[in-house]
Amino acid sequence: MLARSLRGLTFAGALCVGAVAAQGAPKIHTAKLAPNSPDISVGSTIWLQFETPVALTDCDVVFPSPAKPACQSPLQQTPWQISVFDKSDNEIHPAVKASSDILGNLPSNGFVRLDLDQRIADGYSRIVVTFSKGSAPQFTIEGANPKGTKLVGPSKTKDDSNLYISGTFAPAGGSSPSYTIDSKANFILHSFDYGAYTIGATGDINTDKKTTADPDSFHWAIPVQHTEPFRKISVTEQFSTIGMELDKKGNAMNLVSAPSATGSVSHTFTSPDEKNPGAKKVTASIGLDISAGLEFGDNFKNDYAVANKVLGGQGWFLRGVPSTTVYLIIPKACFLGKVTLTSSYTARIPTTNEVFIENRNTAKPKPELTSNTRNFVQNTINFSLTSYVAIQIKHQYGALPPAFNLVRNSGSIGLVFALKELHGNTKSATPN
């Protein structure tokens, strides 16, 4: 199934790979001054993110240089310069005593923490952050930035996004317009311990106009998440403490909790940057996410009429939920901008009978109670118009909870808006 669904992506990718133009020298996408620690002896912290994928490693940005992996040319001094201006344009230069890649996968995440040797007081006019390598990219933090403002950057995949809006809309003469919606919102409510621990609120919608929508899934949850690097793998542990699954008409409703763990690996292909001697440029980036998890809870409503079964909730349920996502990012392809190819697969393996809307080989969708595995495959190609908006070609097949109404090889062309929220609401402290 997954191999067949990837054929279209492979063909489309082949059209442009031969004409790839590489992304240039590193650029700083955004930066923010974190709230100061109550301990006045602790210096300020700045969070920043490079535009990704980026042709840098920990050996280029981490100071003091990391022990593992061993760097061929360890940094002798910090590659960061900070200039702070007050409202009279007087300038000071706090030193960066340490810089760290706390989330791992720098080429893919581009996220760096800078710890300064002194505190930056309120009332500054601007802070200029400079990375001394490559073309010496800079980013200016304006003093007017509200302290609670969170960092936002482009995302790689739907799973990686905090806000993801995808869909199609087609007006129709004499009738209501048709539409499809595949959207997700996941907002960080609070961050702890350098942003590695977060608590958030998330919601997902995947439906369309049809009376018997396929897919037909609404979901919300309150997840607690922890992210940390493990060797070359970024590991994310998440526990959706409480949530709900329901369909468009509310015929099936579940209370659900879901613990999971995801390992992420990525590789960035680089080549020498002729415009900036000694620097590298990105030609492509690939990544793989593998997840293992559970979903358990209570089906407290089921109004689908099933033979030999009284209407009502089916009680507790438990599912195994393995999943995987593969992506390829080409910063410049043909005459286009960034092109992103993504393929994801999720299997839900019930341990008890759950409702399943069978629409194969039947004139009318037929509700059943079975414990068969419910697969869901989604493939997309995004042609970026901006950092956050893209034209999307999508294919999907499978079923989503709670009614598991089977999608039979659905294809669409539409727009997608996606962004990633960074952990700007963190407590400042000295690094470990």
Protein backbone atom coordinates (compact mmCIF):
# COMPACT_ATOMS: atom_id res chain seq x y z
CA MET A 1 0.00 0.00 0.00
CA LEU A 2 2.65 2.54 1.07
CA ALA A 3 4.93 1.59 -1.83
CA ARG A 4 2.12 2.14 -4.36
CA SER A 5 1.17 5.50 -2.88
CA LEU A 6 4.79 6.71 -3.08
CA ARG A 7 5.06 6.20 -6.84
CA GLY A 8 3.51 9.56 -7.66
CA LEU A 9 5.85 11.35 -5.29
CA THR A 10 8.87 9.57 -6.73
CA PHE A 11 7.91 10.55 -10.27
CA ALA A 12 7.25 14.19 -9.34
CA GLY A 13 10.53 14.39 -7.44
CA ALA A 14 12.44 12.99 -10.40
CA LEU A 15 11.20 15.83 -12.60
CA CYS A 16 13.04 18.44 -10.56
CA VAL A 17 15.99 16.76 -8.84
CA GLY A 18 18.16 17.19 -11.91
CA ALA A 19 17.66 20.94 -11.78
CA VAL A 20 18.27 21.61 -8.08
CA ALA A 21 19.76 24.96 -7.15
CA ALA A 22 21.25 24.90 -3.69
CA GLN A 23 20.28 27.09 -0.77
CA GLY A 24 22.96 29.64 0.03
CA ALA A 25 24.85 30.61 3.19
CA PRO A 26 23.20 30.22 6.61
CA LYS A 27 20.58 32.82 7.54
CA ILE A 28 19.12 33.57 10.97
CA HIS A 29 15.36 33.24 10.72
CA THR A 30 14.44 34.68 14.11
CA ALA A 31 15.74 35.38 17.61
CA LYS A 32 14.31 36.38 20.99
CA LEU A 33 15.55 37.45 24.40
CA ALA A 34 14.20 35.05 27.04
CA PRO A 35 12.81 36.42 30.33
CA ASN A 36 15.60 36.95 32.86
CA SER A 37 16.06 34.53 35.74
CA PRO A 38 15.04 35.77 39.21
CA ASP A 39 18.65 35.02 40.21
CA ILE A 40 20.42 38.30 39.44
CA SER A 41 23.79 36.51 39.21
CA VAL A 42 22.62 34.65 36.07
CA GLY A 43 23.14 36.27 32.68
CA SER A 44 20.49 36.62 29.98
CA THR A 45 19.61 33.96 27.41
CA ILE A 46 18.87 34.40 23.71
CA TRP A 47 17.07 31.79 21.62
CA LEU A 48 17.52 31.79 17.86
CA GLN A 49 16.71 29.67 14.85
CA PHE A 50 18.45 29.45 11.49
CA GLU A 51 16.46 29.05 8.30
CA THR A 52 16.27 25.32 7.76
CA PRO A 53 17.64 23.10 6.44
CA VAL A 54 20.99 24.67 7.27
CA ALA A 55 24.48 23.50 6.28
CA LEU A 56 25.86 23.65 9.84
CA THR A 57 26.78 21.12 12.52
CA ASP A 58 27.31 21.36 16.27
CA CYS A 59 31.00 21.87 15.57
CA ASP A 60 30.11 25.18 13.85
CA VAL A 61 27.82 26.68 16.52
CA VAL A 62 28.34 24.99 19.91
CA PHE A 63 30.83 26.68 22.26
CA PRO A 64 32.78 25.33 24.01
CA SER A 65 33.11 22.72 21.29
CA PRO A 66 31.30 19.45 22.09
CA ALA A 67 33.29 16.43 23.22
CA LYS A 68 31.10 14.20 21.06
CA PRO A 69 31.23 14.21 18.16
CA ALA A 70 34.91 15.15 18.17
CA CYS A 71 35.42 18.24 15.99
CA GLN A 72 38.29 18.35 13.50
CA SER A 73 38.70 22.08 14.14
CA PRO A 74 37.37 22.88 17.63
CA LEU A 75 36.21 26.46 18.12
CA GLN A 76 38.87 28.57 19.81
CA GLN A 77 36.42 31.39 20.48
CA THR A 78 32.69 31.86 20.35
CA PRO A 79 31.27 32.34 16.82
CA TRP A 80 28.63 34.73 18.19
CA GLN A 81 28.72 38.49 18.65
CA ILE A 82 26.07 40.39 20.61
CA SER A 83 25.55 44.16 20.42
CA VAL A 84 23.02 45.80 22.76
CA PHE A 85 21.89 49.40 22.16
CA ASP A 86 20.03 51.57 24.65
CA LYS A 87 17.57 54.29 23.64
CA SER A 88 20.43 56.81 23.41
CA ASP A 89 22.18 54.44 20.99
CA ASN A 90 24.95 53.62 23.44
CA GLU A 91 26.39 50.18 22.71
CA ILE A 92 27.63 47.34 24.91
CA HIS A 93 28.90 43.87 23.92
CA PRO A 94 27.94 41.06 26.31
CA ALA A 95 30.04 37.95 25.75
CA VAL A 96 28.45 34.62 24.80
CA LYS A 97 29.90 32.31 27.44
CA ALA A 98 28.14 29.23 26.04
CA SER A 99 26.07 28.27 23.00
CA SER A 100 24.22 24.96 22.80
CA ASP A 101 22.10 22.81 20.50
CA ILE A 102 19.73 21.46 23.14
CA LEU A 103 17.19 19.87 20.78
CA GLY A 104 19.65 18.06 18.49
CA ASN A 105 19.40 17.64 14.70
CA LEU A 106 20.76 21.15 14.11
CA PRO A 107 20.62 20.96 10.27
CA SER A 108 16.92 20.15 10.53
CA ASN A 109 15.85 22.19 13.60
CA GLY A 110 18.30 25.12 13.34
CA PHE A 111 17.63 25.94 17.00
CA VAL A 112 20.42 27.39 19.21
CA ARG A 113 20.55 28.74 22.77
CA LEU A 114 23.02 31.52 23.67
CA ASP A 115 23.93 32.13 27.32
CA LEU A 116 25.44 35.57 28.02
CA ASP A 117 27.86 36.59 30.76
CA GLN A 118 25.64 39.46 31.91
CA ARG A 119 21.99 40.43 32.16
CA ILE A 120 20.33 42.61 29.56
CA ALA A 121 18.07 45.03 31.40
CA ASP A 122 14.65 46.13 30.23
CA GLY A 123 14.53 49.29 28.16
CA TYR A 124 17.01 48.33 25.46
CA SER A 125 16.44 49.75 21.99
CA ARG A 126 17.66 46.76 20.01
CA ILE A 127 19.92 43.71 20.21
CA VAL A 128 21.95 42.66 17.16
CA VAL A 129 22.93 38.99 17.03
CA THR A 130 25.71 38.09 14.57
CA PHE A 131 26.98 34.66 13.57
CA SER A 132 30.59 35.19 12.53
CA LYS A 133 30.80 32.34 10.02
CA GLY A 134 29.75 32.24 6.36
CA SER A 135 28.37 35.61 5.26
CA ALA A 136 28.10 36.71 8.93
CA PRO A 137 24.27 36.71 9.09
CA GLN A 138 22.61 39.03 11.58
CA PHE A 139 19.25 39.33 13.28
CA THR A 140 17.95 42.36 15.18
CA ILE A 141 15.72 41.91 18.23
CA GLU A 142 13.69 45.08 18.57
CA GLY A 143 13.11 46.46 22.04
CA ALA A 144 9.42 46.82 21.28
CA ASN A 145 9.04 43.02 21.22
CA PRO A 146 6.54 42.00 23.90
CA LYS A 147 8.20 39.66 26.39
CA GLY A 148 5.56 36.97 25.97
CA THR A 149 5.98 36.78 22.19
CA LYS A 150 6.86 33.28 21.03
CA LEU A 151 9.19 32.44 18.18
CA VAL A 152 7.65 31.18 14.95
CA GLY A 153 9.38 29.43 12.06
CA PRO A 154 8.63 27.32 8.99
CA SER A 155 7.77 23.68 9.67
CA LYS A 156 8.84 20.59 7.75
CA THR A 157 5.78 18.31 8.02
CA LYS A 158 2.24 18.31 9.43
CA ASP A 159 3.48 16.51 12.56
CA ASP A 160 6.19 19.15 12.98
CA SER A 161 3.71 22.05 12.69
CA ASN A 162 1.98 23.94 15.46
CA LEU A 163 -0.49 25.47 13.02
CA TYR A 164 -1.37 23.57 9.86
CA ILE A 165 -4.29 24.52 7.60
CA SER A 166 -4.78 22.51 4.42
CA GLY A 167 -7.84 22.19 2.24
CA THR A 168 -9.73 22.76 -0.96
CA PHE A 169 -12.78 24.86 -1.80
CA ALA A 170 -14.88 24.73 -4.95
CA PRO A 171 -18.02 26.87 -5.53
CA ALA A 172 -20.98 25.18 -7.19
CA GLY A 173 -23.85 26.81 -9.10
CA GLY A 174 -27.26 26.18 -7.56
CA SER A 175 -25.86 24.32 -4.52
CA SER A 176 -23.57 24.83 -1.58
CA PRO A 177 -19.82 24.77 -2.31
CA SER A 178 -17.73 21.65 -1.76
CA TYR A 179 -14.75 21.65 0.56
CA THR A 180 -12.18 19.51 2.32
CA ILE A 181 -10.42 20.39 5.56
CA ASP A 182 -7.22 18.88 6.98
CA SER A 183 -6.07 21.15 9.78
CA LYS A 184 -4.20 21.08 13.06
CA ALA A 185 -3.50 23.57 15.84
CA ASN A 186 -1.04 22.79 18.63
CA PHE A 187 -0.10 25.67 20.91
CA ILE A 188 2.44 25.68 23.73
CA LEU A 189 0.80 26.90 26.94
CA HIS A 190 3.97 26.81 29.02
CA SER A 191 7.58 25.67 28.71
CA PHE A 192 9.83 24.33 31.47
CA ASP A 193 13.52 23.49 31.79
CA TYR A 194 15.03 25.33 28.79
CA GLY A 195 11.94 24.57 26.63
CA ALA A 196 12.56 20.82 26.57
CA TYR A 197 9.39 20.22 28.63
CA THR A 198 6.15 21.77 27.40
CA ILE A 199 2.43 21.57 28.08
CA GLY A 200 0.07 22.50 25.28
CA ALA A 201 -3.40 22.31 23.77
CA THR A 202 -3.99 20.62 20.43
CA GLY A 203 -6.87 20.07 18.02
CA ASP A 204 -7.19 18.26 14.67
CA ILE A 205 -9.90 18.34 11.98
CA ASN A 206 -10.02 16.07 8.95
CA THR A 207 -13.36 16.11 7.12
CA ASP A 208 -15.22 17.21 3.99
CA LYS A 209 -18.65 18.37 2.81
CA LYS A 210 -20.13 14.93 2.06
CA THR A 211 -22.87 13.62 4.35
CA THR A 212 -20.79 10.49 4.86
CA ALA A 213 -17.52 12.37 5.13
CA ASP A 214 -14.34 10.43 4.51
CA PRO A 215 -12.22 10.94 6.44
CA ASP A 216 -14.39 12.15 9.32
CA SER A 217 -12.33 12.89 12.41
CA PHE A 218 -12.28 15.65 15.04
CA HIS A 219 -9.85 15.48 17.96
CA TRP A 220 -8.60 17.65 20.85
CA ALA A 221 -6.12 16.92 23.63
CA ILE A 222 -3.90 18.39 26.36
CA PRO A 223 -0.39 16.98 25.69
CA VAL A 224 2.72 17.12 27.86
CA GLN A 225 5.89 16.81 25.79
CA HIS A 226 9.62 16.38 26.39
CA THR A 227 12.30 16.63 23.69
CA GLU A 228 15.99 15.78 24.06
CA PRO A 229 18.86 14.65 21.82
CA PHE A 230 20.14 11.09 22.09
CA ARG A 231 23.34 10.69 20.09
CA LYS A 232 22.27 11.63 16.55
CA ILE A 233 18.58 11.04 17.23
CA SER A 234 16.12 13.63 18.51
CA VAL A 235 13.72 11.86 20.90
CA THR A 236 10.30 13.27 21.75
CA GLU A 237 8.15 11.75 24.49
CA GLN A 238 4.53 12.90 24.58
CA PHE A 239 1.55 12.07 26.76
CA SER A 240 -1.85 13.39 25.72
CA THR A 241 -3.27 13.39 29.22
CA ILE A 242 -6.93 13.80 28.24
CA GLY A 243 -8.68 14.32 24.93
CA MET A 244 -11.72 13.49 22.83
CA GLU A 245 -12.38 11.93 19.43
CA LEU A 246 -15.67 12.54 17.58
CA ASP A 247 -17.11 12.55 14.08
CA LYS A 248 -18.82 15.46 12.30
CA LYS A 249 -22.34 14.58 13.45
CA GLY A 250 -21.34 13.39 16.91
CA ASN A 251 -22.54 9.84 16.28
CA ALA A 252 -19.36 8.40 17.82
CA MET A 253 -17.45 9.93 20.73
CA ASN A 254 -14.43 8.71 22.68
CA LEU A 255 -12.53 9.98 25.69
CA VAL A 256 -8.91 9.15 24.97
CA SER A 257 -5.39 9.38 26.43
CA ALA A 258 -2.30 8.68 24.33
CA PRO A 259 1.35 8.20 25.40
CA SER A 260 3.92 8.00 22.59
CA ALA A 261 7.63 8.27 21.81
CA THR A 262 9.12 9.49 18.52
CA GLY A 263 12.69 9.18 17.26
CA SER A 264 13.78 11.60 14.52
CA VAL A 265 16.85 11.42 12.32
CA SER A 266 17.79 13.65 9.42
CA HIS A 267 20.61 14.23 6.99
CA THR A 268 21.48 17.38 5.08
CA PHE A 269 23.33 17.24 1.76
CA THR A 270 25.71 20.15 1.31
CA SER A 271 28.20 21.47 -1.19
CA PRO A 272 30.79 24.30 -1.13
CA ASP A 273 29.35 27.80 -1.38
CA GLU A 274 31.24 29.61 -4.14
CA LYS A 275 29.94 33.02 -3.00
CA ASN A 276 31.18 32.51 0.57
CA PRO A 277 34.55 30.70 0.66
CA GLY A 278 34.79 28.27 3.54
CA ALA A 279 31.01 28.05 3.93
CA LYS A 280 28.62 25.38 2.68
CA LYS A 281 25.20 25.49 1.08
CA VAL A 282 22.29 23.05 1.35
CA THR A 283 21.25 21.07 -1.71
CA ALA A 284 18.66 18.80 -0.05
CA SER A 285 17.57 17.44 3.31
CA ILE A 286 15.92 14.14 4.19
CA GLY A 287 14.37 13.00 7.45
CA LEU A 288 12.68 10.05 9.11
CA ASP A 289 10.37 10.02 12.15
CA ILE A 290 9.41 6.70 13.76
CA SER A 291 6.80 6.63 16.53
CA ALA A 292 5.40 4.01 18.88
CA GLY A 293 2.41 4.73 21.06
CA LEU A 294 -0.87 3.70 22.64
CA GLU A 295 -4.39 5.13 22.58
CA PHE A 296 -6.76 4.10 25.35
CA GLY A 297 -10.01 5.37 26.81
CA ASP A 298 -13.78 5.01 26.75
CA ASN A 299 -16.21 4.91 23.82
CA PHE A 300 -19.15 6.54 25.63
CA LYS A 301 -21.32 7.12 22.54
CA ASN A 302 -21.93 5.01 19.42
CA ASP A 303 -25.14 5.73 17.51
CA TYR A 304 -24.18 3.67 14.46
CA ALA A 305 -26.65 0.82 13.96
CA VAL A 306 -24.75 -2.47 13.93
CA ALA A 307 -26.45 -5.88 13.47
CA ASN A 308 -27.09 -7.73 16.74
CA LYS A 309 -25.79 -4.82 18.79
CA VAL A 310 -27.69 -2.36 20.98
CA LEU A 311 -26.98 1.32 20.34
CA GLY A 312 -24.73 2.99 22.88
CA GLY A 313 -21.12 3.24 23.92
CA GLN A 314 -18.91 0.19 23.60
CA GLY A 315 -16.90 0.92 26.75
CA TRP A 316 -13.12 0.86 27.16
CA PHE A 317 -10.69 0.41 24.28
CA LEU A 318 -6.94 0.08 23.78
CA ARG A 319 -5.01 0.49 20.51
CA GLY A 320 -1.39 0.11 19.54
CA VAL A 321 -0.34 3.01 17.29
CA PRO A 322 2.95 2.66 15.36
CA SER A 323 3.63 5.31 12.72
CA THR A 324 6.35 6.66 10.47
CA THR A 325 6.93 9.80 8.40
CA VAL A 326 9.52 10.33 5.66
CA TYR A 327 10.28 13.71 4.11
CA LEU A 328 12.55 15.24 1.48
CA ILE A 329 13.18 19.00 1.30
CA ILE A 330 14.73 20.59 -1.79
CA PRO A 331 15.45 24.29 -1.06
CA LYS A 332 15.47 25.25 -4.75
CA ALA A 333 14.06 23.00 -7.47
CA CYS A 334 13.70 23.89 -11.17
CA PHE A 335 12.25 27.40 -11.44
CA LEU A 336 10.41 26.89 -8.15
CA GLY A 337 11.26 27.74 -4.57
CA LYS A 338 11.33 25.12 -1.83
CA VAL A 339 9.73 21.76 -2.62
CA THR A 340 8.78 19.37 0.21
CA LEU A 341 7.77 15.75 -0.31
CA THR A 342 6.23 13.94 2.67
CA SER A 343 4.82 10.45 3.16
CA SER A 344 3.27 9.26 6.43
CA TYR A 345 1.78 5.97 7.57
CA THR A 346 -0.14 5.21 10.78
CA ALA A 347 -1.56 1.88 11.90
CA ARG A 348 -4.15 1.67 14.70
CA ILE A 349 -4.38 -1.85 16.11
CA PRO A 350 -7.46 -2.30 18.36
CA THR A 351 -7.53 -4.90 21.12
CA THR A 352 -11.35 -4.75 21.27
CA ASN A 353 -14.10 -4.35 18.69
CA GLU A 354 -14.56 -0.77 17.49
CA VAL A 355 -16.88 0.75 14.91
CA PHE A 356 -15.64 0.69 11.29
CA ILE A 357 -17.59 2.22 8.37
CA GLU A 358 -17.17 -0.21 5.49
CA ASN A 359 -17.80 1.35 2.07
CA ARG A 360 -16.03 -1.16 -0.20
CA ASN A 361 -18.19 -3.39 -2.37
CA THR A 362 -21.38 -1.91 -0.95
CA ALA A 363 -23.83 0.68 -2.28
CA LYS A 364 -24.38 2.19 1.17
CA PRO A 365 -21.72 2.63 3.89
CA LYS A 366 -22.12 -0.21 6.38
CA PRO A 367 -21.16 0.19 10.09
CA GLU A 368 -19.40 -2.82 11.59
CA LEU A 369 -17.83 -3.71 14.93
CA THR A 370 -14.43 -5.29 14.29
CA SER A 371 -10.89 -5.38 15.68
CA ASN A 372 -9.20 -5.16 12.29
CA THR A 373 -6.13 -2.91 11.94
CA ARG A 374 -7.00 0.57 10.64
CA ASN A 375 -4.32 2.00 8.35
CA PHE A 376 -3.97 5.60 7.23
CA VAL A 377 -1.55 6.80 4.53
CA GLN A 378 -1.05 10.41 3.48
CA ASN A 379 1.36 11.66 0.77
CA THR A 380 1.90 15.32 -0.07
CA ILE A 381 4.01 17.48 -2.36
CA ASN A 382 4.25 21.14 -1.32
CA PHE A 383 5.47 23.85 -3.70
CA SER A 384 6.27 26.81 -1.45
CA LEU A 385 4.97 30.25 -2.36
CA THR A 386 6.37 31.79 0.86
CA SER A 387 7.99 30.37 3.99
CA TYR A 388 4.54 29.51 5.31
CA VAL A 389 2.20 29.08 2.29
CA ALA A 390 2.42 26.40 -0.39
CA ILE A 391 0.45 24.77 -3.18
CA GLN A 392 -0.21 21.21 -2.07
CA ILE A 393 -0.88 18.02 -4.01
CA LYS A 394 -2.27 15.40 -1.62
CA HIS A 395 -3.13 11.70 -1.70
CA GLN A 396 -4.64 9.78 1.22
CA TYR A 397 -6.04 6.36 1.95
CA GLY A 398 -7.33 4.73 5.11
CA ALA A 399 -9.47 5.46 8.17
CA LEU A 400 -9.33 7.77 11.20
CA PRO A 401 -11.05 7.51 14.61
CA PRO A 402 -13.60 7.43 16.05
CA ALA A 403 -15.93 6.16 13.27
CA PHE A 404 -13.08 4.95 11.01
CA ASN A 405 -14.89 5.86 7.77
CA LEU A 406 -12.64 4.45 5.04
CA VAL A 407 -11.02 6.90 2.58
CA ARG A 408 -10.49 5.18 -0.75
CA ASN A 409 -7.50 6.75 -2.56
CA SER A 410 -8.57 10.38 -2.34
CA GLY A 411 -6.56 12.99 -4.27
CA SER A 412 -6.70 16.79 -4.14
CA ILE A 413 -4.86 20.01 -5.05
CA GLY A 414 -5.14 22.97 -2.71
CA LEU A 415 -3.27 25.38 -0.47
CA VAL A 416 -1.54 24.76 2.84
CA PHE A 417 -0.45 27.20 5.54
CA ALA A 418 1.96 25.79 8.14
CA LEU A 419 4.24 27.16 10.85
CA LYS A 420 6.12 25.95 13.90
CA GLU A 421 6.09 27.63 17.30
CA LEU A 422 9.45 27.67 19.08
CA HIS A 423 9.97 27.44 22.82
CA GLY A 424 10.26 31.15 23.56
CA ASN A 425 8.43 31.01 26.89
CA THR A 426 11.26 29.38 28.80
CA LYS A 427 12.93 29.96 32.12
CA SER A 428 16.44 31.36 31.86
CA ALA A 429 19.11 29.46 33.74
CA THR A 430 22.70 28.49 33.43
CA PRO A 431 23.22 25.48 31.18
CA ASN A 432 24.10 22.06 32.59
